[in-house]
Amino acid sequence: DLVLLDTTPSTQLEARGGLANTLYLTDHQTATYGRFGRKYYA
């Protein structure tokens, strides 16, 4: 499946609580994080 999101805090968080072999996709995030938990510009 592919889950399209109008906006989300983080697709990473969506996927962590989601189903296997599923892609979560958006063009707008509000609470991004990368390596070491660092926020990045979205």
PDB file of all heavy atoms in Angstrom:
ATOM      1  N   ASP A   1       0.843  -1.198   0.000  1.00  0.00           N
ATOM      2  CA  ASP A   1       0.000   0.000   0.000  1.00  0.00           C
ATOM      3  C   ASP A   1       0.874   1.242   0.000  1.00  0.00           C
ATOM      4  O   ASP A   1       2.064   1.189   0.366  1.00  0.00           O
ATOM      5  CB  ASP A   1      -0.919   0.020   1.227  1.00  0.00           C
ATOM      6  CG  ASP A   1      -2.087   1.002   1.071  1.00  0.00           C
ATOM      7  OD1 ASP A   1      -2.289   1.523  -0.049  1.00  0.00           O
ATOM      8  OD2 ASP A   1      -2.789   1.245   2.066  1.00  0.00           O
ATOM      9  N   LEU A   2       0.297   2.340  -0.421  1.00  0.00           N
ATOM     10  CA  LEU A   2       0.922   3.665  -0.380  1.00  0.00           C
ATOM     11  C   LEU A   2      -0.072   4.602   0.288  1.00  0.00           C
ATOM     12  O   LEU A   2      -1.202   4.776  -0.193  1.00  0.00           O
ATOM     13  CB  LEU A   2       1.247   4.151  -1.794  1.00  0.00           C
ATOM     14  CG  LEU A   2       1.599   5.625  -1.980  1.00  0.00           C
ATOM     15  CD1 LEU A   2       2.803   6.015  -1.132  1.00  0.00           C
ATOM     16  CD2 LEU A   2       1.867   5.931  -3.449  1.00  0.00           C
ATOM     17  N   VAL A   3       0.336   5.183   1.396  1.00  0.00           N
ATOM     18  CA  VAL A   3      -0.532   6.081   2.155  1.00  0.00           C
ATOM     19  C   VAL A   3      -0.110   7.516   1.867  1.00  0.00           C
ATOM     20  O   VAL A   3       1.010   7.926   2.196  1.00  0.00           O
ATOM     21  CB  VAL A   3      -0.447   5.787   3.672  1.00  0.00           C
ATOM     22  CG1 VAL A   3      -1.329   6.765   4.439  1.00  0.00           C
ATOM     23  CG2 VAL A   3      -0.844   4.342   3.961  1.00  0.00           C
ATOM     24  N   LEU A   4      -1.008   8.273   1.239  1.00  0.00           N
ATOM     25  CA  LEU A   4      -0.747   9.681   0.919  1.00  0.00           C
ATOM     26  C   LEU A   4      -1.284  10.551   2.043  1.00  0.00           C
ATOM     27  O   LEU A   4      -2.436  10.409   2.455  1.00  0.00           O
ATOM     28  CB  LEU A   4      -1.412  10.060  -0.405  1.00  0.00           C
ATOM     29  CG  LEU A   4      -0.939   9.301  -1.646  1.00  0.00           C
ATOM     30  CD1 LEU A   4      -1.744   9.728  -2.863  1.00  0.00           C
ATOM     31  CD2 LEU A   4       0.547   9.537  -1.892  1.00  0.00           C
ATOM     32  N   LEU A   5      -0.435  11.460   2.515  1.00  0.00           N
ATOM     33  CA  LEU A   5      -0.786  12.312   3.650  1.00  0.00           C
ATOM     34  C   LEU A   5      -0.724  13.777   3.240  1.00  0.00           C
ATOM     35  O   LEU A   5       0.287  14.235   2.694  1.00  0.00           O
ATOM     36  CB  LEU A   5       0.187  12.059   4.799  1.00  0.00           C
ATOM     37  CG  LEU A   5       0.256  10.601   5.291  1.00  0.00           C
ATOM     38  CD1 LEU A   5       1.569  10.330   6.003  1.00  0.00           C
ATOM     39  CD2 LEU A   5      -0.924  10.305   6.208  1.00  0.00           C
ATOM     40  N   ASP A   6      -1.811  14.521   3.490  1.00  0.00           N
ATOM     41  CA  ASP A   6      -1.791  15.961   3.195  1.00  0.00           C
ATOM     42  C   ASP A   6      -0.704  16.644   4.012  1.00  0.00           C
ATOM     43  O   ASP A   6       0.024  17.494   3.515  1.00  0.00           O
ATOM     44  CB  ASP A   6      -3.151  16.594   3.499  1.00  0.00           C
ATOM     45  CG  ASP A   6      -4.212  16.189   2.488  1.00  0.00           C
ATOM     46  OD1 ASP A   6      -3.841  15.759   1.373  1.00  0.00           O
ATOM     47  OD2 ASP A   6      -5.399  16.280   2.821  1.00  0.00           O
ATOM     48  N   THR A   7      -0.628  16.292   5.266  1.00  0.00           N
ATOM     49  CA  THR A   7       0.414  16.800   6.162  1.00  0.00           C
ATOM     50  C   THR A   7       0.568  15.808   7.301  1.00  0.00           C
ATOM     51  O   THR A   7      -0.354  15.047   7.614  1.00  0.00           O
ATOM     52  CB  THR A   7       0.062  18.198   6.703  1.00  0.00           C
ATOM     53  OG1 THR A   7       1.165  18.706   7.467  1.00  0.00           O
ATOM     54  CG2 THR A   7      -1.174  18.154   7.581  1.00  0.00           C
ATOM     55  N   THR A   8       1.730  15.794   7.918  1.00  0.00           N
ATOM     56  CA  THR A   8       1.997  14.889   9.033  1.00  0.00           C
ATOM     57  C   THR A   8       3.161  15.442   9.835  1.00  0.00           C
ATOM     58  O   THR A   8       4.020  16.138   9.282  1.00  0.00           O
ATOM     59  CB  THR A   8       2.338  13.469   8.533  1.00  0.00           C
ATOM     60  OG1 THR A   8       2.621  12.626   9.654  1.00  0.00           O
ATOM     61  CG2 THR A   8       3.561  13.480   7.631  1.00  0.00           C
ATOM     62  N   PRO A   9       3.212  15.164  11.124  1.00  0.00           N
ATOM     63  CA  PRO A   9       4.409  15.545  11.866  1.00  0.00           C
ATOM     64  C   PRO A   9       5.659  14.913  11.262  1.00  0.00           C
ATOM     65  O   PRO A   9       6.695  15.555  11.112  1.00  0.00           O
ATOM     66  CB  PRO A   9       4.131  15.025  13.279  1.00  0.00           C
ATOM     67  CG  PRO A   9       2.638  15.016  13.384  1.00  0.00           C
ATOM     68  CD  PRO A   9       2.168  14.622  12.020  1.00  0.00           C
ATOM     69  N   SER A  10       5.568  13.616  10.900  1.00  0.00           N
ATOM     70  CA  SER A  10       6.732  12.907  10.368  1.00  0.00           C
ATOM     71  C   SER A  10       6.278  11.612   9.702  1.00  0.00           C
ATOM     72  O   SER A  10       5.591  10.803  10.327  1.00  0.00           O
ATOM     73  CB  SER A  10       7.725  12.594  11.490  1.00  0.00           C
ATOM     74  OG  SER A  10       8.688  11.658  11.069  1.00  0.00           O
ATOM     75  N   THR A  11       6.688  11.391   8.453  1.00  0.00           N
ATOM     76  CA  THR A  11       6.384  10.113   7.810  1.00  0.00           C
ATOM     77  C   THR A  11       7.104   8.976   8.519  1.00  0.00           C
ATOM     78  O   THR A  11       6.633   7.827   8.509  1.00  0.00           O
ATOM     79  CB  THR A  11       6.792  10.116   6.329  1.00  0.00           C
ATOM     80  OG1 THR A  11       8.199  10.402   6.198  1.00  0.00           O
ATOM     81  CG2 THR A  11       5.990  11.142   5.543  1.00  0.00           C
ATOM     82  N   GLN A  12       8.234   9.270   9.155  1.00  0.00           N
ATOM     83  CA  GLN A  12       8.966   8.242   9.884  1.00  0.00           C
ATOM     84  C   GLN A  12       8.123   7.709  11.040  1.00  0.00           C
ATOM     85  O   GLN A  12       8.065   6.501  11.278  1.00  0.00           O
ATOM     86  CB  GLN A  12      10.298   8.813  10.386  1.00  0.00           C
ATOM     87  CG  GLN A  12      11.356   7.775  10.677  1.00  0.00           C
ATOM     88  CD  GLN A  12      12.005   7.169   9.454  1.00  0.00           C
ATOM     89  OE1 GLN A  12      11.594   7.407   8.315  1.00  0.00           O
ATOM     90  NE2 GLN A  12      13.037   6.370   9.670  1.00  0.00           N
ATOM     91  N   LEU A  13       7.454   8.618  11.741  1.00  0.00           N
ATOM     92  CA  LEU A  13       6.573   8.199  12.831  1.00  0.00           C
ATOM     93  C   LEU A  13       5.359   7.445  12.301  1.00  0.00           C
ATOM     94  O   LEU A  13       4.904   6.477  12.926  1.00  0.00           O
ATOM     95  CB  LEU A  13       6.133   9.419  13.637  1.00  0.00           C
ATOM     96  CG  LEU A  13       7.234  10.155  14.406  1.00  0.00           C
ATOM     97  CD1 LEU A  13       6.669  11.393  15.088  1.00  0.00           C
ATOM     98  CD2 LEU A  13       7.905   9.230  15.427  1.00  0.00           C
ATOM     99  N   GLU A  14       4.830   7.889  11.160  1.00  0.00           N
ATOM    100  CA  GLU A  14       3.699   7.182  10.555  1.00  0.00           C
ATOM    101  C   GLU A  14       4.085   5.737  10.229  1.00  0.00           C
ATOM    102  O   GLU A  14       3.331   4.793  10.511  1.00  0.00           O
ATOM    103  CB  GLU A  14       3.259   7.892   9.267  1.00  0.00           C
ATOM    104  CG  GLU A  14       2.786   9.317   9.440  1.00  0.00           C
ATOM    105  CD  GLU A  14       1.346   9.431   9.910  1.00  0.00           C
ATOM    106  OE1 GLU A  14       0.685   8.382  10.078  1.00  0.00           O
ATOM    107  OE2 GLU A  14       0.885  10.566  10.117  1.00  0.00           O
ATOM    108  N   ALA A  15       5.276   5.570   9.642  1.00  0.00           N
ATOM    109  CA  ALA A  15       5.714   4.236   9.242  1.00  0.00           C
ATOM    110  C   ALA A  15       6.013   3.352  10.449  1.00  0.00           C
ATOM    111  O   ALA A  15       5.754   2.143  10.431  1.00  0.00           O
ATOM    112  CB  ALA A  15       6.947   4.334   8.342  1.00  0.00           C
ATOM    113  N   ARG A  16       6.542   3.954  11.512  1.00  0.00           N
ATOM    114  CA  ARG A  16       6.848   3.176  12.722  1.00  0.00           C
ATOM    115  C   ARG A  16       5.584   2.547  13.298  1.00  0.00           C
ATOM    116  O   ARG A  16       5.623   1.439  13.851  1.00  0.00           O
ATOM    117  CB  ARG A  16       7.511   4.062  13.773  1.00  0.00           C
ATOM    118  CG  ARG A  16       8.959   4.394  13.479  1.00  0.00           C
ATOM    119  CD  ARG A  16       9.541   5.272  14.573  1.00  0.00           C
ATOM    120  NE  ARG A  16       9.634   4.579  15.848  1.00  0.00           N
ATOM    121  CZ  ARG A  16      10.677   3.829  16.225  1.00  0.00           C
ATOM    122  NH1 ARG A  16      11.705   3.686  15.429  1.00  0.00           N
ATOM    123  NH2 ARG A  16      10.681   3.242  17.401  1.00  0.00           N
ATOM    124  N   GLY A  17       4.480   3.243  13.192  1.00  0.00           N
ATOM    125  CA  GLY A  17       3.227   2.708  13.714  1.00  0.00           C
ATOM    126  C   GLY A  17       2.365   2.065  12.650  1.00  0.00           C
ATOM    127  O   GLY A  17       1.206   1.732  12.911  1.00  0.00           O
ATOM    128  N   GLY A  18       2.933   1.888  11.457  1.00  0.00           N
ATOM    129  CA  GLY A  18       2.149   1.392  10.340  1.00  0.00           C
ATOM    130  C   GLY A  18       2.397  -0.066   9.999  1.00  0.00           C
ATOM    131  O   GLY A  18       2.945  -0.828  10.786  1.00  0.00           O
ATOM    132  N   LEU A  19       1.994  -0.421   8.778  1.00  0.00           N
ATOM    133  CA  LEU A  19       2.045  -1.796   8.315  1.00  0.00           C
ATOM    134  C   LEU A  19       3.297  -2.047   7.485  1.00  0.00           C
ATOM    135  O   LEU A  19       3.842  -1.145   6.852  1.00  0.00           O
ATOM    136  CB  LEU A  19       0.799  -2.103   7.478  1.00  0.00           C
ATOM    137  CG  LEU A  19      -0.546  -1.946   8.201  1.00  0.00           C
ATOM    138  CD1 LEU A  19      -1.692  -2.152   7.221  1.00  0.00           C
ATOM    139  CD2 LEU A  19      -0.642  -2.908   9.369  1.00  0.00           C
ATOM    140  N   ALA A  20       3.735  -3.299   7.475  1.00  0.00           N
ATOM    141  CA  ALA A  20       4.908  -3.680   6.699  1.00  0.00           C
ATOM    142  C   ALA A  20       4.645  -3.542   5.203  1.00  0.00           C
ATOM    143  O   ALA A  20       3.500  -3.649   4.739  1.00  0.00           O
ATOM    144  CB  ALA A  20       5.310  -5.117   7.034  1.00  0.00           C
ATOM    145  N   ASN A  21       5.712  -3.272   4.451  1.00  0.00           N
ATOM    146  CA  ASN A  21       5.653  -3.118   2.993  1.00  0.00           C
ATOM    147  C   ASN A  21       4.667  -2.027   2.582  1.00  0.00           C
ATOM    148  O   ASN A  21       3.947  -2.160   1.586  1.00  0.00           O
ATOM    149  CB  ASN A  21       5.290  -4.449   2.319  1.00  0.00           C
ATOM    150  CG  ASN A  21       6.352  -5.502   2.557  1.00  0.00           C
ATOM    151  OD1 ASN A  21       7.549  -5.220   2.507  1.00  0.00           O
ATOM    152  ND2 ASN A  21       5.925  -6.714   2.836  1.00  0.00           N
ATOM    153  N   THR A  22       4.657  -0.959   3.385  1.00  0.00           N
ATOM    154  CA  THR A  22       3.785   0.182   3.117  1.00  0.00           C
ATOM    155  C   THR A  22       4.630   1.447   3.093  1.00  0.00           C
ATOM    156  O   THR A  22       5.513   1.630   3.935  1.00  0.00           O
ATOM    157  CB  THR A  22       2.684   0.302   4.189  1.00  0.00           C
ATOM    158  OG1 THR A  22       1.894  -0.885   4.171  1.00  0.00           O
ATOM    159  CG2 THR A  22       1.794   1.506   3.932  1.00  0.00           C
ATOM    160  N   LEU A  23       4.371   2.313   2.112  1.00  0.00           N
ATOM    161  CA  LEU A  23       5.077   3.580   1.964  1.00  0.00           C
ATOM    162  C   LEU A  23       4.169   4.721   2.399  1.00  0.00           C
ATOM    163  O   LEU A  23       3.008   4.793   1.983  1.00  0.00           O
ATOM    164  CB  LEU A  23       5.504   3.774   0.503  1.00  0.00           C
ATOM    165  CG  LEU A  23       6.252   5.064   0.161  1.00  0.00           C
ATOM    166  CD1 LEU A  23       7.603   5.113   0.878  1.00  0.00           C
ATOM    167  CD2 LEU A  23       6.454   5.189  -1.354  1.00  0.00           C
ATOM    168  N   TYR A  24       4.710   5.621   3.228  1.00  0.00           N
ATOM    169  CA  TYR A  24       3.982   6.799   3.703  1.00  0.00           C
ATOM    170  C   TYR A  24       4.626   8.022   3.064  1.00  0.00           C
ATOM    171  O   TYR A  24       5.841   8.209   3.144  1.00  0.00           O
ATOM    172  CB  TYR A  24       4.040   6.859   5.231  1.00  0.00           C
ATOM    173  CG  TYR A  24       3.345   5.668   5.863  1.00  0.00           C
ATOM    174  CD1 TYR A  24       4.009   4.442   5.996  1.00  0.00           C
ATOM    175  CD2 TYR A  24       2.029   5.751   6.281  1.00  0.00           C
ATOM    176  CE1 TYR A  24       3.362   3.339   6.538  1.00  0.00           C
ATOM    177  CE2 TYR A  24       1.384   4.650   6.832  1.00  0.00           C
ATOM    178  CZ  TYR A  24       2.053   3.439   6.955  1.00  0.00           C
ATOM    179  OH  TYR A  24       1.411   2.353   7.484  1.00  0.00           O
ATOM    180  N   LEU A  25       3.801   8.867   2.442  1.00  0.00           N
ATOM    181  CA  LEU A  25       4.320   9.913   1.557  1.00  0.00           C
ATOM    182  C   LEU A  25       3.574  11.229   1.758  1.00  0.00           C
ATOM    183  O   LEU A  25       2.351  11.253   1.850  1.00  0.00           O
ATOM    184  CB  LEU A  25       4.172   9.443   0.104  1.00  0.00           C
ATOM    185  CG  LEU A  25       4.484  10.412  -1.027  1.00  0.00           C
ATOM    186  CD1 LEU A  25       5.953  10.831  -1.011  1.00  0.00           C
ATOM    187  CD2 LEU A  25       4.129   9.759  -2.363  1.00  0.00           C
ATOM    188  N   THR A  26       4.327  12.329   1.799  1.00  0.00           N
ATOM    189  CA  THR A  26       3.734  13.659   1.901  1.00  0.00           C
ATOM    190  C   THR A  26       4.672  14.681   1.294  1.00  0.00           C
ATOM    191  O   THR A  26       5.833  14.380   0.992  1.00  0.00           O
ATOM    192  CB  THR A  26       3.443  14.019   3.374  1.00  0.00           C
ATOM    193  OG1 THR A  26       2.660  15.218   3.444  1.00  0.00           O
ATOM    194  CG2 THR A  26       4.739  14.245   4.149  1.00  0.00           C
ATOM    195  N   ASP A  27       4.170  15.900   1.116  1.00  0.00           N
ATOM    196  CA  ASP A  27       5.041  17.009   0.728  1.00  0.00           C
ATOM    197  C   ASP A  27       5.108  18.057   1.830  1.00  0.00           C
ATOM    198  O   ASP A  27       5.662  19.130   1.655  1.00  0.00           O
ATOM    199  CB  ASP A  27       4.581  17.650  -0.583  1.00  0.00           C
ATOM    200  CG  ASP A  27       3.217  18.325  -0.481  1.00  0.00           C
ATOM    201  OD1 ASP A  27       2.525  18.168   0.559  1.00  0.00           O
ATOM    202  OD2 ASP A  27       2.827  19.010  -1.448  1.00  0.00           O
ATOM    203  N   HIS A  28       4.554  17.704   3.022  1.00  0.00           N
ATOM    204  CA  HIS A  28       4.540  18.678   4.121  1.00  0.00           C
ATOM    205  C   HIS A  28       4.654  17.981   5.465  1.00  0.00           C
ATOM    206  O   HIS A  28       3.766  17.210   5.852  1.00  0.00           O
ATOM    207  CB  HIS A  28       3.255  19.512   4.080  1.00  0.00           C
ATOM    208  CG  HIS A  28       3.253  20.631   5.073  1.00  0.00           C
ATOM    209  ND1 HIS A  28       2.209  20.854   5.940  1.00  0.00           N
ATOM    210  CD2 HIS A  28       4.180  21.582   5.351  1.00  0.00           C
ATOM    211  CE1 HIS A  28       2.489  21.898   6.701  1.00  0.00           C
ATOM    212  NE2 HIS A  28       3.679  22.346   6.368  1.00  0.00           N
ATOM    213  N   GLN A  29       5.760  18.217   6.166  1.00  0.00           N
ATOM    214  CA  GLN A  29       5.980  17.681   7.499  1.00  0.00           C
ATOM    215  C   GLN A  29       6.153  18.822   8.493  1.00  0.00           C
ATOM    216  O   GLN A  29       6.680  19.870   8.143  1.00  0.00           O
ATOM    217  CB  GLN A  29       7.234  16.793   7.541  1.00  0.00           C
ATOM    218  CG  GLN A  29       7.130  15.520   6.741  1.00  0.00           C
ATOM    219  CD  GLN A  29       8.277  14.568   7.048  1.00  0.00           C
ATOM    220  OE1 GLN A  29       8.057  13.454   7.497  1.00  0.00           O
ATOM    221  NE2 GLN A  29       9.503  14.992   6.794  1.00  0.00           N
ATOM    222  N   THR A  30       5.741  18.572   9.730  1.00  0.00           N
ATOM    223  CA  THR A  30       5.800  19.634  10.737  1.00  0.00           C
ATOM    224  C   THR A  30       6.733  19.323  11.904  1.00  0.00           C
ATOM    225  O   THR A  30       7.019  20.205  12.708  1.00  0.00           O
ATOM    226  CB  THR A  30       4.388  19.908  11.300  1.00  0.00           C
ATOM    227  OG1 THR A  30       3.872  18.694  11.878  1.00  0.00           O
ATOM    228  CG2 THR A  30       3.452  20.378  10.187  1.00  0.00           C
ATOM    229  N   ALA A  31       7.179  18.062  12.022  1.00  0.00           N
ATOM    230  CA  ALA A  31       8.056  17.689  13.148  1.00  0.00           C
ATOM    231  C   ALA A  31       9.122  16.718  12.654  1.00  0.00           C
ATOM    232  O   ALA A  31       9.199  15.572  13.083  1.00  0.00           O
ATOM    233  CB  ALA A  31       7.248  17.077  14.288  1.00  0.00           C
ATOM    234  N   THR A  32       9.940  17.198  11.746  1.00  0.00           N
ATOM    235  CA  THR A  32      10.942  16.351  11.114  1.00  0.00           C
ATOM    236  C   THR A  32      12.051  15.966  12.087  1.00  0.00           C
ATOM    237  O   THR A  32      12.344  16.680  13.041  1.00  0.00           O
ATOM    238  CB  THR A  32      11.584  17.077   9.931  1.00  0.00           C
ATOM    239  OG1 THR A  32      12.239  18.263  10.416  1.00  0.00           O
ATOM    240  CG2 THR A  32      10.546  17.484   8.912  1.00  0.00           C
ATOM    241  N   TYR A  33      12.663  14.823  11.813  1.00  0.00           N
ATOM    242  CA  TYR A  33      13.888  14.475  12.529  1.00  0.00           C
ATOM    243  C   TYR A  33      14.724  13.546  11.666  1.00  0.00           C
ATOM    244  O   TYR A  33      14.204  12.772  10.863  1.00  0.00           O
ATOM    245  CB  TYR A  33      13.599  13.825  13.888  1.00  0.00           C
ATOM    246  CG  TYR A  33      13.043  12.419  13.833  1.00  0.00           C
ATOM    247  CD1 TYR A  33      13.884  11.304  13.889  1.00  0.00           C
ATOM    248  CD2 TYR A  33      11.676  12.196  13.754  1.00  0.00           C
ATOM    249  CE1 TYR A  33      13.382  10.020  13.853  1.00  0.00           C
ATOM    250  CE2 TYR A  33      11.161  10.912  13.728  1.00  0.00           C
ATOM    251  CZ  TYR A  33      12.014   9.828  13.780  1.00  0.00           C
ATOM    252  OH  TYR A  33      11.507   8.557  13.737  1.00  0.00           O
ATOM    253  N   GLY A  34      16.058  13.670  11.820  1.00  0.00           N
ATOM    254  CA  GLY A  34      16.986  12.838  11.079  1.00  0.00           C
ATOM    255  C   GLY A  34      17.899  12.089  12.023  1.00  0.00           C
ATOM    256  O   GLY A  34      17.506  11.732  13.138  1.00  0.00           O
ATOM    257  N   ARG A  35      19.138  11.863  11.587  1.00  0.00           N
ATOM    258  CA  ARG A  35      20.091  11.153  12.440  1.00  0.00           C
ATOM    259  C   ARG A  35      20.316  11.901  13.743  1.00  0.00           C
ATOM    260  O   ARG A  35      20.323  13.130  13.780  1.00  0.00           O
ATOM    261  CB  ARG A  35      21.432  10.996  11.713  1.00  0.00           C
ATOM    262  CG  ARG A  35      21.460   9.857  10.724  1.00  0.00           C
ATOM    263  CD  ARG A  35      22.889   9.405  10.452  1.00  0.00           C
ATOM    264  NE  ARG A  35      23.787  10.498  10.159  1.00  0.00           N
ATOM    265  CZ  ARG A  35      25.092  10.478  10.408  1.00  0.00           C
ATOM    266  NH1 ARG A  35      25.649   9.444  10.989  1.00  0.00           N
ATOM    267  NH2 ARG A  35      25.851  11.508  10.076  1.00  0.00           N
ATOM    268  N   PHE A  36      20.487  11.138  14.822  1.00  0.00           N
ATOM    269  CA  PHE A  36      20.716  11.669  16.166  1.00  0.00           C
ATOM    270  C   PHE A  36      19.539  12.519  16.651  1.00  0.00           C
ATOM    271  O   PHE A  36      19.686  13.332  17.552  1.00  0.00           O
ATOM    272  CB  PHE A  36      22.017  12.482  16.226  1.00  0.00           C
ATOM    273  CG  PHE A  36      23.196  11.778  15.622  1.00  0.00           C
ATOM    274  CD1 PHE A  36      23.838  12.303  14.514  1.00  0.00           C
ATOM    275  CD2 PHE A  36      23.660  10.581  16.150  1.00  0.00           C
ATOM    276  CE1 PHE A  36      24.922  11.654  13.942  1.00  0.00           C
ATOM    277  CE2 PHE A  36      24.742   9.921  15.581  1.00  0.00           C
ATOM    278  CZ  PHE A  36      25.378  10.451  14.480  1.00  0.00           C
ATOM    279  N   GLY A  37      18.348  12.349  15.998  1.00  0.00           N
ATOM    280  CA  GLY A  37      17.170  13.085  16.399  1.00  0.00           C
ATOM    281  C   GLY A  37      17.165  14.546  15.996  1.00  0.00           C
ATOM    282  O   GLY A  37      16.321  15.327  16.446  1.00  0.00           O
ATOM    283  N   ARG A  38      18.094  14.946  15.125  1.00  0.00           N
ATOM    284  CA  ARG A  38      18.184  16.345  14.740  1.00  0.00           C
ATOM    285  C   ARG A  38      17.032  16.744  13.821  1.00  0.00           C
ATOM    286  O   ARG A  38      16.697  16.028  12.884  1.00  0.00           O
ATOM    287  CB  ARG A  38      19.512  16.611  14.019  1.00  0.00           C
ATOM    288  CG  ARG A  38      20.750  16.378  14.855  1.00  0.00           C
ATOM    289  CD  ARG A  38      21.968  16.913  14.106  1.00  0.00           C
ATOM    290  NE  ARG A  38      23.198  16.541  14.769  1.00  0.00           N
ATOM    291  CZ  ARG A  38      24.087  15.691  14.278  1.00  0.00           C
ATOM    292  NH1 ARG A  38      23.866  15.107  13.116  1.00  0.00           N
ATOM    293  NH2 ARG A  38      25.199  15.421  14.939  1.00  0.00           N
ATOM    294  N   LYS A  39      16.462  17.906  14.078  1.00  0.00           N
ATOM    295  CA  LYS A  39      15.439  18.447  13.195  1.00  0.00           C
ATOM    296  C   LYS A  39      16.074  18.937  11.908  1.00  0.00           C
ATOM    297  O   LYS A  39      17.199  19.440  11.907  1.00  0.00           O
ATOM    298  CB  LYS A  39      14.709  19.616  13.883  1.00  0.00           C
ATOM    299  CG  LYS A  39      13.546  20.165  13.081  1.00  0.00           C
ATOM    300  CD  LYS A  39      12.800  21.242  13.856  1.00  0.00           C
ATOM    301  CE  LYS A  39      11.627  21.774  13.037  1.00  0.00           C
ATOM    302  NZ  LYS A  39      10.853  22.806  13.781  1.00  0.00           N
ATOM    303  N   TYR A  40      15.381  18.737  10.770  1.00  0.00           N
ATOM    304  CA  TYR A  40      15.894  19.262   9.512  1.00  0.00           C
ATOM    305  C   TYR A  40      14.824  20.101   8.825  1.00  0.00           C
ATOM    306  O   TYR A  40      13.637  19.997   9.130  1.00  0.00           O
ATOM    307  CB  TYR A  40      16.387  18.134   8.602  1.00  0.00           C
ATOM    308  CG  TYR A  40      15.316  17.182   8.094  1.00  0.00           C
ATOM    309  CD1 TYR A  40      14.575  17.458   6.955  1.00  0.00           C
ATOM    310  CD2 TYR A  40      15.054  15.982   8.764  1.00  0.00           C
ATOM    311  CE1 TYR A  40      13.606  16.590   6.495  1.00  0.00           C
ATOM    312  CE2 TYR A  40      14.079  15.111   8.307  1.00  0.00           C
ATOM    313  CZ  TYR A  40      13.365  15.416   7.166  1.00  0.00           C
ATOM    314  OH  TYR A  40      12.394  14.566   6.718  1.00  0.00           O
ATOM    315  N   TYR A  41      15.265  20.932   7.889  1.00  0.00           N
ATOM    316  CA  TYR A  41      14.360  21.865   7.218  1.00  0.00           C
ATOM    317  C   TYR A  41      13.470  21.124   6.228  1.00  0.00           C
ATOM    318  O   TYR A  41      13.952  20.368   5.380  1.00  0.00           O
ATOM    319  CB  TYR A  41      15.167  22.934   6.483  1.00  0.00           C
ATOM    320  CG  TYR A  41      14.312  23.877   5.667  1.00  0.00           C
ATOM    321  CD1 TYR A  41      13.480  24.806   6.293  1.00  0.00           C
ATOM    322  CD2 TYR A  41      14.329  23.844   4.277  1.00  0.00           C
ATOM    323  CE1 TYR A  41      12.693  25.664   5.556  1.00  0.00           C
ATOM    324  CE2 TYR A  41      13.560  24.704   3.525  1.00  0.00           C
ATOM    325  CZ  TYR A  41      12.733  25.609   4.172  1.00  0.00           C
ATOM    326  OH  TYR A  41      11.955  26.466   3.432  1.00  0.00           O
ATOM    327  N   ALA A  42      12.172  21.337   6.335  1.00  0.00           N
ATOM    328  CA  ALA A  42      11.200  20.794   5.393  1.00  0.00           C
ATOM    329  C   ALA A  42      10.359  21.951   4.870  1.00  0.00           C
ATOM    330  O   ALA A  42       9.637  22.599   5.632  1.00  0.00           O
ATOM    331  CB  ALA A  42      10.314  19.745   6.059  1.00  0.00           C
TER     332      ALA A  42
END
